[in-house]
Amino acid sequence: MSVATETSSQVFTINATATNPDTAAAVANKTASVFKKKIVKMMSINNVTIVSKAVSKSTPVSPRIKINLLAGVVLGLILGVGFAFISEFNDKTIKDEAFLTEDLGLTSLGIVNEMSQKDIDRQIREQSQSTARTSHARRRV
């Protein structure tokens, strides 16, 4: 429930919000009628009138799903792009051998390729099989 005054006027606007629109309209209308009765005693004013009765709206005023969804998408995009820029800016890894040799003037000693765990396991098995064959061949002699 909120009460607002119009600029340079003695008109009050009463806004009521509830989960049921009919309840909100009834609360606003009851508040206006109670105010009309009480203001006569408080301020000695006899000419208070209710300009219009509150009516219930069929569409909810909150939450505004489309605006919230649009704001979420825009905010998500801004945060995602910002995070990507910060992540790229703070990345100190060297991705190119030319940077080391041309820009820093260092000598390249070689490149270590990236290997998957599957390749490492395969090479270990091959080496252990090769070692087993060699030791078995030595025993025969």
Protein backbone atom coordinates (compact mmCIF):
# COMPACT_ATOMS: atom_id res chain seq x y z
CA MET A 1 0.00 0.00 0.00
CA SER A 2 1.30 3.44 -0.89
CA VAL A 3 -0.12 6.96 -0.78
CA ALA A 4 1.16 9.69 -3.07
CA THR A 5 0.22 13.33 -3.49
CA GLU A 6 -0.12 15.17 -6.77
CA THR A 7 2.18 18.14 -7.30
CA SER A 8 0.63 21.51 -6.32
CA SER A 9 -2.65 19.83 -5.46
CA GLN A 10 -4.59 18.40 -2.54
CA VAL A 11 -5.36 15.18 -4.42
CA PHE A 12 -4.10 11.89 -2.97
CA THR A 13 -3.55 8.70 -4.91
CA ILE A 14 -3.83 5.42 -3.03
CA ASN A 15 -2.14 2.37 -4.56
CA ALA A 16 -2.69 -1.10 -3.16
CA THR A 17 -0.93 -4.26 -4.30
CA ALA A 18 -2.01 -7.81 -3.46
CA THR A 19 -1.92 -11.29 -4.94
CA ASN A 20 -5.64 -11.00 -5.74
CA PRO A 21 -6.62 -7.90 -7.80
CA ASP A 22 -10.09 -7.72 -6.23
CA THR A 23 -8.56 -7.67 -2.76
CA ALA A 24 -6.22 -4.84 -3.75
CA ALA A 25 -9.13 -2.77 -5.09
CA ALA A 26 -11.18 -3.41 -1.93
CA VAL A 27 -8.27 -2.38 0.32
CA ALA A 28 -7.71 0.84 -1.65
CA ASN A 29 -11.43 1.72 -1.59
CA LYS A 30 -11.75 0.97 2.15
CA THR A 31 -8.64 3.05 2.92
CA ALA A 32 -10.07 5.98 0.96
CA SER A 33 -13.43 5.81 2.75
CA VAL A 34 -11.78 5.57 6.20
CA PHE A 35 -9.51 8.49 5.30
CA LYS A 36 -12.53 10.54 4.22
CA LYS A 37 -14.20 9.96 7.62
CA LYS A 38 -11.05 10.52 9.71
CA ILE A 39 -9.80 13.68 7.96
CA VAL A 40 -12.97 15.54 8.95
CA LYS A 41 -12.10 15.09 12.65
CA MET A 42 -8.36 15.62 12.28
CA MET A 43 -8.33 18.76 10.11
CA SER A 44 -11.92 20.10 10.35
CA ILE A 45 -12.44 19.75 6.59
CA ASN A 46 -15.94 18.94 5.36
CA ASN A 47 -15.53 18.95 1.59
CA VAL A 48 -13.47 15.76 1.07
CA THR A 49 -14.61 13.69 -1.90
CA ILE A 50 -13.38 10.50 -3.51
CA VAL A 51 -12.68 11.33 -7.15
CA SER A 52 -12.67 7.75 -8.46
CA LYS A 53 -13.07 4.29 -7.02
CA ALA A 54 -10.30 1.72 -7.32
CA VAL A 55 -10.88 -0.97 -9.92
CA SER A 56 -9.05 -4.27 -10.21
CA LYS A 57 -6.82 -4.88 -13.22
CA SER A 58 -6.90 -8.21 -15.00
CA THR A 59 -3.17 -8.14 -15.75
CA PRO A 60 -0.69 -8.34 -12.87
CA VAL A 61 1.51 -5.29 -12.28
CA SER A 62 4.35 -7.36 -10.89
CA PRO A 63 6.52 -9.24 -11.66
CA ARG A 64 7.10 -7.96 -15.17
CA ILE A 65 8.39 -11.17 -16.67
CA LYS A 66 9.40 -9.81 -20.09
CA ILE A 67 11.33 -6.87 -18.66
CA ASN A 68 13.00 -9.06 -16.02
CA LEU A 69 13.96 -11.62 -18.66
CA LEU A 70 15.35 -8.94 -20.97
CA ALA A 71 17.30 -7.35 -18.12
CA GLY A 72 18.70 -10.77 -17.14
CA VAL A 73 19.82 -11.54 -20.69
CA VAL A 74 21.48 -8.13 -21.13
CA LEU A 75 23.16 -8.29 -17.73
CA GLY A 76 24.32 -11.86 -18.43
CA LEU A 77 25.83 -10.85 -21.75
CA ILE A 78 27.60 -7.85 -20.24
CA LEU A 79 29.00 -9.93 -17.38
CA GLY A 80 30.00 -12.75 -19.73
CA VAL A 81 31.86 -10.48 -22.12
CA GLY A 82 33.46 -8.63 -19.21
CA PHE A 83 34.59 -11.89 -17.63
CA ALA A 84 36.02 -13.07 -20.96
CA PHE A 85 38.02 -9.85 -21.36
CA ILE A 86 39.33 -9.99 -17.80
CA SER A 87 40.22 -13.66 -18.18
CA GLU A 88 42.07 -13.02 -21.45
CA PHE A 89 43.81 -9.96 -20.03
CA ASN A 90 45.08 -11.88 -16.99
CA ASP A 91 46.24 -14.91 -19.01
CA LYS A 92 50.05 -14.92 -18.80
CA THR A 93 50.66 -18.16 -20.71
CA ILE A 94 52.82 -18.19 -23.83
CA LYS A 95 50.93 -19.50 -26.82
CA ASP A 96 53.43 -18.98 -29.63
CA GLU A 97 57.11 -19.84 -29.99
CA ALA A 98 57.63 -16.75 -32.16
CA PHE A 99 56.91 -14.52 -29.14
CA LEU A 100 59.87 -16.06 -27.30
CA THR A 101 62.32 -15.96 -30.17
CA GLU A 102 61.36 -12.72 -31.95
CA ASP A 103 59.94 -10.47 -29.24
CA LEU A 104 62.00 -11.56 -26.23
CA GLY A 105 65.12 -12.60 -28.17
CA LEU A 106 65.42 -15.97 -26.42
CA THR A 107 66.71 -19.15 -28.00
CA SER A 108 64.19 -21.93 -28.48
CA LEU A 109 65.41 -25.24 -27.09
CA GLY A 110 62.40 -27.22 -28.24
CA ILE A 111 58.66 -27.70 -27.90
CA VAL A 112 56.93 -30.06 -25.49
CA ASN A 113 53.70 -31.25 -27.00
CA GLU A 114 50.61 -31.81 -24.93
CA MET A 115 49.69 -35.46 -24.41
CA SER A 116 46.42 -36.92 -23.26
CA GLN A 117 46.29 -39.41 -20.40
CA LYS A 118 45.25 -42.08 -22.91
CA ASP A 119 48.47 -41.56 -24.91
CA ILE A 120 50.60 -41.66 -21.77
CA ASP A 121 48.99 -44.92 -20.61
CA ARG A 122 49.52 -46.47 -24.07
CA GLN A 123 53.23 -45.52 -24.10
CA ILE A 124 53.72 -46.92 -20.59
CA ARG A 125 52.17 -50.23 -21.68
CA GLU A 126 54.36 -50.37 -24.81
CA GLN A 127 57.50 -49.65 -22.78
CA SER A 128 56.64 -52.27 -20.17
CA GLN A 129 55.92 -54.86 -22.91
CA SER A 130 59.19 -53.98 -24.67
CA THR A 131 61.13 -54.30 -21.40
CA ALA A 132 59.46 -57.63 -20.64
CA ARG A 133 60.39 -59.00 -24.08
CA THR A 134 64.00 -57.86 -23.70
CA SER A 135 64.39 -59.41 -20.23
CA HIS A 136 62.72 -62.63 -21.43
CA ALA A 137 65.08 -62.81 -24.39
CA ARG A 138 68.07 -62.41 -22.08
CA ARG A 139 66.95 -65.31 -19.94
CA ARG A 140 66.88 -67.67 -22.90
CA VAL A 141 70.44 -67.11 -23.81
